[in-house]
N, C-alpha and C. Protein backbone atom coordinates (compact mmCIF):
# COMPACT_ATOMS: atom_id res chain seq x y z
N MET A 1 -16.49 -6.69 -1.63
CA MET A 1 -15.74 -7.26 -0.45
C MET A 1 -16.83 -7.89 0.25
N SER A 2 -16.66 -8.74 1.24
CA SER A 2 -17.62 -9.53 1.99
C SER A 2 -18.40 -8.39 2.87
N ASP A 3 -19.44 -8.91 3.28
CA ASP A 3 -20.56 -8.04 4.12
C ASP A 3 -20.01 -8.09 5.59
N VAL A 4 -19.18 -9.07 5.93
CA VAL A 4 -18.77 -9.06 7.30
C VAL A 4 -17.73 -8.04 7.65
N PRO A 5 -17.94 -7.15 8.43
CA PRO A 5 -16.98 -6.18 8.87
C PRO A 5 -15.73 -6.66 9.56
N VAL A 6 -14.49 -6.16 9.16
CA VAL A 6 -13.44 -6.48 10.04
C VAL A 6 -13.34 -5.44 11.22
N ASP A 7 -13.18 -6.01 12.28
CA ASP A 7 -12.88 -5.13 13.40
C ASP A 7 -11.48 -4.63 13.54
N VAL A 8 -11.37 -3.40 12.81
CA VAL A 8 -10.19 -2.87 12.67
C VAL A 8 -9.49 -2.25 13.93
N SER A 9 -10.35 -2.33 15.06
CA SER A 9 -9.75 -1.76 16.42
C SER A 9 -9.07 -2.94 17.08
N GLY A 10 -9.33 -4.21 16.71
CA GLY A 10 -8.92 -5.42 17.17
C GLY A 10 -7.32 -5.78 16.70
N ASP A 11 -6.94 -6.90 16.66
CA ASP A 11 -5.78 -7.24 16.08
C ASP A 11 -5.92 -7.66 14.56
N VAL A 12 -6.22 -6.68 13.70
CA VAL A 12 -6.38 -6.81 12.38
C VAL A 12 -5.32 -7.42 11.51
N VAL A 13 -4.03 -7.22 12.02
CA VAL A 13 -3.01 -7.81 11.21
C VAL A 13 -3.12 -9.37 11.44
N ASP A 14 -3.29 -9.84 12.68
CA ASP A 14 -3.31 -11.30 12.93
C ASP A 14 -4.46 -11.83 12.14
N VAL A 15 -5.55 -11.22 12.04
CA VAL A 15 -6.74 -11.82 11.38
C VAL A 15 -6.41 -11.88 10.05
N LEU A 16 -5.86 -10.85 9.38
CA LEU A 16 -5.77 -10.96 7.88
C LEU A 16 -4.34 -11.84 7.63
N THR A 17 -3.51 -11.93 8.48
CA THR A 17 -2.40 -12.99 8.15
C THR A 17 -2.94 -14.14 8.31
N GLU A 18 -3.93 -14.63 9.17
CA GLU A 18 -4.49 -16.01 9.20
C GLU A 18 -5.26 -16.34 7.88
N GLN A 19 -5.88 -15.21 7.39
CA GLN A 19 -6.63 -15.40 6.06
C GLN A 19 -5.75 -15.58 4.94
N ILE A 20 -4.68 -14.96 5.02
CA ILE A 20 -3.58 -15.20 3.88
C ILE A 20 -3.17 -16.56 3.86
N GLU A 21 -2.67 -17.02 5.19
CA GLU A 21 -2.19 -18.39 5.61
C GLU A 21 -3.28 -19.35 4.98
N ALA A 22 -4.44 -19.33 5.31
CA ALA A 22 -5.56 -20.20 5.00
C ALA A 22 -5.76 -20.35 3.41
N ARG A 23 -5.62 -19.10 2.78
CA ARG A 23 -5.65 -18.98 1.40
C ARG A 23 -4.69 -19.88 0.58
N PHE A 24 -3.44 -19.95 1.16
CA PHE A 24 -2.48 -20.32 0.38
C PHE A 24 -1.75 -21.75 1.01
N GLY A 25 -2.27 -22.07 2.16
CA GLY A 25 -1.92 -23.28 2.85
C GLY A 25 -0.46 -23.25 3.28
N LEU A 26 -0.11 -22.12 3.67
CA LEU A 26 1.39 -21.96 4.10
C LEU A 26 1.35 -20.85 5.18
N ASN A 27 2.28 -21.02 6.11
CA ASN A 27 2.37 -19.90 7.02
C ASN A 27 3.11 -18.63 6.40
N ILE A 28 2.88 -17.43 6.94
CA ILE A 28 3.42 -16.19 6.05
C ILE A 28 4.81 -16.19 5.84
N GLU A 29 5.65 -16.86 6.65
CA GLU A 29 7.02 -16.79 6.40
C GLU A 29 7.39 -17.62 5.30
N GLN A 30 6.64 -18.99 5.30
CA GLN A 30 6.83 -19.81 4.14
C GLN A 30 6.52 -19.09 2.77
N LEU A 31 5.24 -18.44 2.93
CA LEU A 31 4.67 -17.84 1.63
C LEU A 31 5.68 -16.51 1.20
N LYS A 32 6.19 -15.96 2.18
CA LYS A 32 7.21 -14.85 1.75
C LYS A 32 8.42 -15.38 1.08
N ALA A 33 8.83 -16.67 1.64
CA ALA A 33 10.11 -17.33 1.02
C ALA A 33 9.70 -17.65 -0.49
N ALA A 34 8.55 -18.32 -0.64
CA ALA A 34 8.21 -18.72 -1.90
C ALA A 34 7.99 -17.77 -2.93
N VAL A 35 7.45 -16.59 -2.54
CA VAL A 35 7.40 -15.29 -3.25
C VAL A 35 8.75 -14.99 -3.67
N ALA A 36 9.58 -14.87 -2.71
CA ALA A 36 10.91 -14.22 -2.90
C ALA A 36 11.75 -15.06 -3.96
N ALA A 37 11.49 -16.44 -3.74
CA ALA A 37 11.98 -17.41 -4.79
C ALA A 37 11.55 -17.26 -6.08
N ALA A 38 10.18 -17.09 -6.42
CA ALA A 38 9.68 -17.03 -7.59
C ALA A 38 8.39 -16.18 -7.69
N PRO A 39 8.84 -14.62 -7.72
CA PRO A 39 7.74 -13.74 -7.66
C PRO A 39 6.78 -13.72 -8.69
N ALA A 40 7.13 -14.25 -9.94
CA ALA A 40 6.37 -14.30 -10.96
C ALA A 40 5.28 -15.47 -11.13
N ALA A 41 5.59 -16.40 -10.33
CA ALA A 41 4.85 -17.87 -10.20
C ALA A 41 3.48 -17.48 -9.92
N ASN A 42 3.15 -16.64 -8.95
CA ASN A 42 1.63 -16.47 -8.57
C ASN A 42 1.51 -14.84 -8.20
N SER A 43 1.05 -14.15 -9.12
CA SER A 43 0.89 -12.71 -9.02
C SER A 43 -0.04 -12.48 -7.90
N GLU A 44 -1.07 -13.15 -7.49
CA GLU A 44 -1.85 -12.92 -6.36
C GLU A 44 -1.09 -13.04 -5.07
N ALA A 45 -0.37 -14.08 -4.93
CA ALA A 45 0.51 -14.26 -3.75
C ALA A 45 1.57 -13.25 -3.67
N THR A 46 2.06 -12.69 -4.75
CA THR A 46 3.20 -11.71 -4.68
C THR A 46 2.65 -10.39 -4.20
N GLU A 47 1.52 -10.11 -4.75
CA GLU A 47 0.65 -8.85 -4.32
C GLU A 47 0.49 -8.94 -2.71
N LEU A 48 -0.08 -10.17 -2.40
CA LEU A 48 -0.63 -10.09 -0.94
C LEU A 48 0.50 -10.03 -0.07
N VAL A 49 1.73 -10.55 -0.39
CA VAL A 49 2.89 -10.54 0.48
C VAL A 49 3.45 -9.22 0.39
N ARG A 50 3.35 -8.55 -0.67
CA ARG A 50 3.77 -7.00 -0.83
C ARG A 50 2.87 -6.25 0.21
N TRP A 51 1.49 -6.43 -0.07
CA TRP A 51 0.69 -5.56 0.95
C TRP A 51 0.67 -5.94 2.28
N HIS A 52 0.93 -7.25 2.61
CA HIS A 52 1.10 -7.71 4.00
C HIS A 52 2.31 -6.93 4.69
N GLY A 53 3.23 -6.90 3.93
CA GLY A 53 4.53 -6.19 4.36
C GLY A 53 4.21 -4.59 4.65
N LEU A 54 3.46 -4.12 3.75
CA LEU A 54 3.11 -2.70 4.08
C LEU A 54 2.20 -2.61 5.19
N LEU A 55 1.31 -3.42 5.36
CA LEU A 55 0.39 -3.37 6.55
C LEU A 55 1.11 -3.77 7.87
N LEU A 56 2.12 -4.55 7.84
CA LEU A 56 2.95 -4.71 8.96
C LEU A 56 3.78 -3.33 9.37
N GLY A 57 4.27 -2.77 8.39
CA GLY A 57 4.98 -1.48 8.57
C GLY A 57 4.06 -0.38 9.17
N ALA A 58 2.91 -0.32 8.47
CA ALA A 58 1.79 0.59 9.19
C ALA A 58 1.40 0.33 10.50
N GLN A 59 1.20 -0.97 10.90
CA GLN A 59 0.97 -1.30 12.33
C GLN A 59 1.99 -0.99 13.10
N ALA A 60 3.29 -1.12 12.87
CA ALA A 60 4.34 -0.84 13.78
C ALA A 60 4.29 0.73 13.95
N ALA A 61 4.20 1.55 12.73
CA ALA A 61 4.23 3.03 13.01
C ALA A 61 2.97 3.21 13.81
N LEU A 62 1.88 2.66 13.77
CA LEU A 62 0.75 3.08 14.71
C LEU A 62 1.08 2.83 16.03
N GLU A 63 1.83 1.59 16.35
CA GLU A 63 2.06 1.25 17.84
C GLU A 63 2.87 2.28 18.31
N HIS A 64 4.00 2.66 17.51
CA HIS A 64 4.99 3.61 17.97
C HIS A 64 4.28 5.01 18.18
N ALA A 65 3.42 5.53 17.45
CA ALA A 65 2.74 6.70 17.61
C ALA A 65 1.98 6.53 18.84
N GLU A 66 1.22 5.49 19.03
CA GLU A 66 0.37 5.35 20.32
C GLU A 66 1.12 5.35 21.55
N ASN A 67 2.39 4.83 21.51
CA ASN A 67 3.24 4.72 22.61
C ASN A 67 3.79 6.08 22.89
N ALA A 68 4.09 6.82 21.96
CA ALA A 68 4.57 8.23 22.26
C ALA A 68 3.51 9.13 22.68
N LEU A 69 2.34 8.85 22.33
CA LEU A 69 1.08 9.62 22.97
C LEU A 69 0.83 9.19 24.20
N VAL A 70 0.80 8.02 24.61
CA VAL A 70 0.70 7.57 25.98
C VAL A 70 1.76 8.13 26.84
N THR A 71 2.78 8.12 26.47
CA THR A 71 3.98 8.62 27.23
C THR A 71 3.56 10.22 27.45
N ALA A 72 3.40 10.80 26.53
CA ALA A 72 3.14 12.19 26.59
C ALA A 72 1.94 12.71 27.45
N LEU A 73 0.91 11.84 27.35
CA LEU A 73 -0.29 11.94 28.18
C LEU A 73 -0.16 11.81 29.68
N GLU A 74 0.83 10.85 29.85
CA GLU A 74 1.10 10.62 31.35
C GLU A 74 1.87 11.67 31.98
N THR A 75 2.57 12.43 31.31
CA THR A 75 3.30 13.55 31.90
C THR A 75 2.51 15.06 31.82
N GLN A 76 1.37 14.99 31.27
CA GLN A 76 0.51 16.14 30.92
C GLN A 76 -0.24 16.62 32.26
N PRO A 77 -0.37 17.86 32.40
CA PRO A 77 -1.20 18.44 33.24
C PRO A 77 -2.69 18.06 32.73
N SER A 78 -3.81 18.76 33.49
CA SER A 78 -5.20 18.50 32.91
C SER A 78 -5.31 18.90 31.58
N GLU A 79 -4.69 19.97 31.05
CA GLU A 79 -4.84 20.38 29.65
C GLU A 79 -3.80 19.93 28.74
N VAL A 80 -4.19 19.58 27.63
CA VAL A 80 -3.27 18.91 26.46
C VAL A 80 -2.64 20.21 25.76
N ASP A 81 -1.29 19.95 25.64
CA ASP A 81 -0.43 20.92 24.93
C ASP A 81 -0.49 20.68 23.56
N ASP A 82 0.14 21.69 22.71
CA ASP A 82 0.15 21.51 21.32
C ASP A 82 1.01 20.34 20.72
N PRO A 83 2.07 20.15 21.40
CA PRO A 83 3.06 18.96 20.90
C PRO A 83 2.18 17.67 21.24
N THR A 84 1.44 17.49 22.40
CA THR A 84 0.82 16.38 22.67
C THR A 84 -0.34 16.08 21.70
N MET A 85 -0.98 17.28 21.31
CA MET A 85 -2.12 17.23 20.31
C MET A 85 -1.53 16.94 19.01
N ALA A 86 -0.30 17.25 18.73
CA ALA A 86 0.22 16.90 17.33
C ALA A 86 0.50 15.13 17.33
N LEU A 87 0.84 14.78 18.46
CA LEU A 87 1.13 13.36 18.69
C LEU A 87 -0.32 12.61 18.40
N ALA A 88 -1.33 13.04 18.91
CA ALA A 88 -2.64 12.51 18.74
C ALA A 88 -3.03 12.58 17.26
N HIS A 89 -2.67 13.62 16.46
CA HIS A 89 -2.99 13.68 15.17
C HIS A 89 -2.12 12.60 14.44
N ARG A 90 -0.74 12.49 14.92
CA ARG A 90 0.04 11.35 14.23
C ARG A 90 -0.63 10.06 14.44
N VAL A 91 -1.22 9.84 15.67
CA VAL A 91 -1.84 8.47 15.93
C VAL A 91 -2.94 8.23 14.93
N ASP A 92 -3.86 9.35 14.67
CA ASP A 92 -5.01 9.37 13.83
C ASP A 92 -4.32 9.01 12.37
N GLU A 93 -3.46 9.71 11.94
CA GLU A 93 -2.84 9.46 10.63
C GLU A 93 -2.26 8.21 10.37
N ALA A 94 -1.56 7.57 11.36
CA ALA A 94 -1.08 6.23 11.41
C ALA A 94 -2.28 5.20 11.40
N LEU A 95 -3.33 5.48 11.91
CA LEU A 95 -4.43 4.51 12.08
C LEU A 95 -5.11 4.56 10.60
N THR A 96 -5.15 5.72 9.98
CA THR A 96 -5.80 5.82 8.75
C THR A 96 -4.98 4.93 7.77
N VAL A 97 -3.53 5.15 7.80
CA VAL A 97 -2.86 4.46 6.90
C VAL A 97 -2.99 2.91 6.99
N ARG A 98 -2.89 2.56 8.52
CA ARG A 98 -3.04 0.99 8.66
C ARG A 98 -4.30 0.50 8.26
N ASP A 99 -5.40 1.24 8.41
CA ASP A 99 -6.83 0.73 7.99
C ASP A 99 -6.84 0.80 6.49
N GLY A 100 -6.29 1.75 5.80
CA GLY A 100 -6.19 1.64 4.38
C GLY A 100 -5.50 0.38 3.73
N ARG A 101 -4.31 0.10 4.31
CA ARG A 101 -3.58 -1.09 3.97
C ARG A 101 -4.38 -2.28 4.36
N ALA A 102 -5.10 -2.33 5.42
CA ALA A 102 -5.80 -3.54 5.74
C ALA A 102 -6.92 -3.78 4.63
N THR A 103 -7.49 -2.79 4.38
CA THR A 103 -8.72 -2.59 3.30
C THR A 103 -8.04 -3.21 2.03
N SER A 104 -6.95 -2.87 1.81
CA SER A 104 -6.34 -3.42 0.36
C SER A 104 -6.04 -4.84 0.49
N VAL A 105 -5.59 -5.23 1.62
CA VAL A 105 -5.35 -6.67 1.83
C VAL A 105 -6.55 -7.52 1.61
N ARG A 106 -7.81 -6.93 2.43
CA ARG A 106 -9.03 -7.48 2.33
C ARG A 106 -9.48 -7.68 0.87
N TRP A 107 -9.28 -6.60 0.04
CA TRP A 107 -9.82 -6.59 -1.31
C TRP A 107 -9.09 -7.52 -2.01
N LEU A 108 -7.82 -7.72 -1.88
CA LEU A 108 -6.86 -8.76 -2.54
C LEU A 108 -7.41 -10.13 -2.14
N LEU A 109 -7.89 -10.42 -0.97
CA LEU A 109 -8.26 -11.72 -0.44
C LEU A 109 -9.68 -12.13 -1.02
N ASP A 110 -10.35 -11.11 -1.39
CA ASP A 110 -11.78 -11.30 -1.76
C ASP A 110 -11.94 -11.49 -3.37
N ALA A 111 -11.99 -12.82 -3.70
CA ALA A 111 -12.14 -13.15 -5.15
C ALA A 111 -13.44 -12.36 -5.81
N GLY A 112 -14.39 -12.20 -5.12
CA GLY A 112 -15.56 -11.57 -5.68
C GLY A 112 -15.76 -10.13 -5.49
N ALA A 113 -14.56 -9.42 -5.15
CA ALA A 113 -14.70 -7.98 -4.81
C ALA A 113 -14.99 -7.13 -6.13
N VAL A 114 -15.56 -6.13 -5.94
CA VAL A 114 -15.97 -5.16 -7.05
C VAL A 114 -14.70 -4.93 -7.64
N GLY A 115 -14.61 -5.00 -8.99
CA GLY A 115 -13.31 -4.68 -9.92
C GLY A 115 -12.73 -5.83 -10.31
N LYS A 116 -13.01 -6.98 -9.78
CA LYS A 116 -12.14 -8.25 -9.94
C LYS A 116 -12.79 -9.12 -11.11
N GLN A 117 -14.00 -8.73 -11.48
CA GLN A 117 -14.73 -9.38 -12.51
C GLN A 117 -15.26 -8.52 -13.62
N GLY A 118 -15.50 -9.16 -14.79
CA GLY A 118 -16.04 -8.41 -15.92
C GLY A 118 -15.16 -7.39 -16.53
N ARG A 119 -15.74 -6.33 -17.07
CA ARG A 119 -14.82 -5.29 -17.70
C ARG A 119 -13.92 -4.67 -16.86
N ALA A 120 -14.38 -4.33 -15.61
CA ALA A 120 -13.25 -3.64 -14.75
C ALA A 120 -12.07 -4.41 -14.49
N ALA A 121 -12.22 -5.69 -14.30
CA ALA A 121 -11.14 -6.65 -14.17
C ALA A 121 -10.13 -6.75 -15.42
N GLU A 122 -10.87 -6.62 -16.60
CA GLU A 122 -10.10 -6.60 -17.95
C GLU A 122 -9.23 -5.44 -18.08
N ARG A 123 -9.97 -4.23 -17.71
CA ARG A 123 -9.11 -2.99 -17.78
C ARG A 123 -7.92 -3.06 -16.79
N LEU A 124 -8.34 -3.60 -15.50
CA LEU A 124 -7.02 -3.64 -14.36
C LEU A 124 -6.15 -4.41 -15.02
N ALA A 125 -6.36 -5.50 -15.67
CA ALA A 125 -5.29 -6.58 -16.14
C ALA A 125 -4.68 -5.85 -17.21
N ARG A 126 -5.24 -5.16 -18.20
CA ARG A 126 -4.56 -4.46 -19.20
C ARG A 126 -3.67 -3.26 -18.68
N PHE A 127 -4.27 -2.40 -17.70
CA PHE A 127 -3.44 -1.37 -17.06
C PHE A 127 -2.20 -2.01 -16.27
N SER A 128 -2.40 -3.00 -15.47
CA SER A 128 -1.28 -3.53 -14.74
C SER A 128 -0.11 -4.05 -15.37
N GLY A 129 -0.49 -4.47 -16.64
CA GLY A 129 0.65 -5.06 -17.45
C GLY A 129 1.55 -3.99 -18.09
N ASN A 130 0.86 -2.78 -18.26
CA ASN A 130 1.72 -1.62 -18.73
C ASN A 130 2.46 -0.91 -17.73
N ARG A 131 3.73 -1.12 -17.76
CA ARG A 131 4.53 -0.61 -16.54
C ARG A 131 5.23 0.70 -17.14
N GLY A 132 5.14 0.97 -18.41
CA GLY A 132 5.98 2.20 -18.88
C GLY A 132 5.18 3.54 -18.47
N PRO A 133 5.87 4.70 -18.78
CA PRO A 133 5.40 5.88 -18.43
C PRO A 133 4.10 6.38 -19.32
N ALA A 134 3.14 6.87 -18.76
CA ALA A 134 1.93 7.24 -19.48
C ALA A 134 2.19 8.28 -20.48
N VAL A 135 3.24 9.02 -20.28
CA VAL A 135 3.61 10.14 -21.29
C VAL A 135 5.08 9.99 -21.71
N PRO A 136 5.37 10.54 -22.90
CA PRO A 136 6.83 10.47 -23.11
C PRO A 136 7.67 11.27 -22.08
N THR A 137 8.78 10.64 -21.86
CA THR A 137 9.52 11.38 -20.81
C THR A 137 10.85 12.01 -21.39
N SER A 138 10.95 12.00 -22.57
CA SER A 138 12.02 12.57 -23.34
C SER A 138 11.59 13.27 -24.56
N ALA A 139 12.30 14.21 -24.94
CA ALA A 139 12.01 15.02 -26.09
C ALA A 139 12.19 14.18 -27.49
N PRO A 140 11.29 14.41 -28.37
CA PRO A 140 11.28 13.69 -29.51
C PRO A 140 12.63 14.00 -30.31
N PRO A 141 12.93 13.11 -31.05
CA PRO A 141 14.27 13.34 -32.00
C PRO A 141 14.14 14.59 -32.81
N ARG A 142 15.15 15.45 -32.86
CA ARG A 142 15.17 16.60 -33.66
C ARG A 142 15.56 16.35 -35.22
N PRO A 143 14.67 16.76 -35.97
CA PRO A 143 14.95 16.56 -37.50
C PRO A 143 16.36 17.16 -37.80
N ALA A 144 16.78 16.43 -38.87
CA ALA A 144 18.30 16.76 -39.23
C ALA A 144 18.53 18.26 -39.65
N GLY A 145 17.45 18.78 -40.40
CA GLY A 145 17.46 20.05 -40.88
C GLY A 145 17.16 21.19 -39.70
N ALA A 146 16.76 20.96 -38.59
CA ALA A 146 16.13 21.72 -37.75
C ALA A 146 17.39 22.62 -37.13
N PRO A 147 17.19 23.79 -36.73
CA PRO A 147 18.22 24.61 -36.27
C PRO A 147 18.45 24.19 -34.87
N GLN A 148 19.68 24.33 -34.37
CA GLN A 148 20.12 23.78 -33.10
C GLN A 148 19.66 24.91 -31.99
N PRO A 149 19.21 24.53 -30.84
CA PRO A 149 18.73 25.50 -29.82
C PRO A 149 19.71 26.44 -29.45
N GLY A 150 19.47 27.74 -29.41
CA GLY A 150 20.43 28.73 -28.90
C GLY A 150 21.20 29.28 -30.03
N LYS A 151 21.13 28.81 -31.36
CA LYS A 151 21.78 29.17 -32.53
C LYS A 151 20.85 30.09 -33.34
N SER A 152 21.39 31.24 -33.94
CA SER A 152 20.70 32.12 -34.64
C SER A 152 20.46 31.45 -36.02
N LEU A 153 19.32 31.81 -36.61
CA LEU A 153 18.89 31.31 -38.02
C LEU A 153 19.60 32.12 -39.04
N ALA A 154 20.13 33.38 -38.85
CA ALA A 154 20.69 34.17 -39.71
C ALA A 154 22.00 33.70 -39.81
N ARG A 155 22.88 33.78 -41.14
CA ARG A 155 24.17 33.34 -41.11
C ARG A 155 24.89 34.36 -41.69
């Protein structure tokens, strides 16, 4: 990823949205419409739109948690009670989720990011094409002569 840190305490969603729009030359709504119309046309755009949506959801959850905490703190006496502390933890968790999703969007935007070139990129491409289960999810077929489960072998 780039060496320039993103200020995640600022309006990170707007900054990343602008970067996505600059990358594709479309505003985010046009890009979402294009991806919805032809999701297989550009896998990079499809992934960025998907992660941008996840980022928007995480930002909304963070704002909701922050508002609930502020409301609780406004009614608190000098000591913070357990329910208010739980709200503070919820804000912390929401911030972590939002920042993680922002990092994912940044990684998707960075063409030179670690893992996007060389052997790591080849492995990623190989695994991302494999959408089936990693292990069999059903029992193998029973041989014709095998005893049925729950039946005695003696006749």
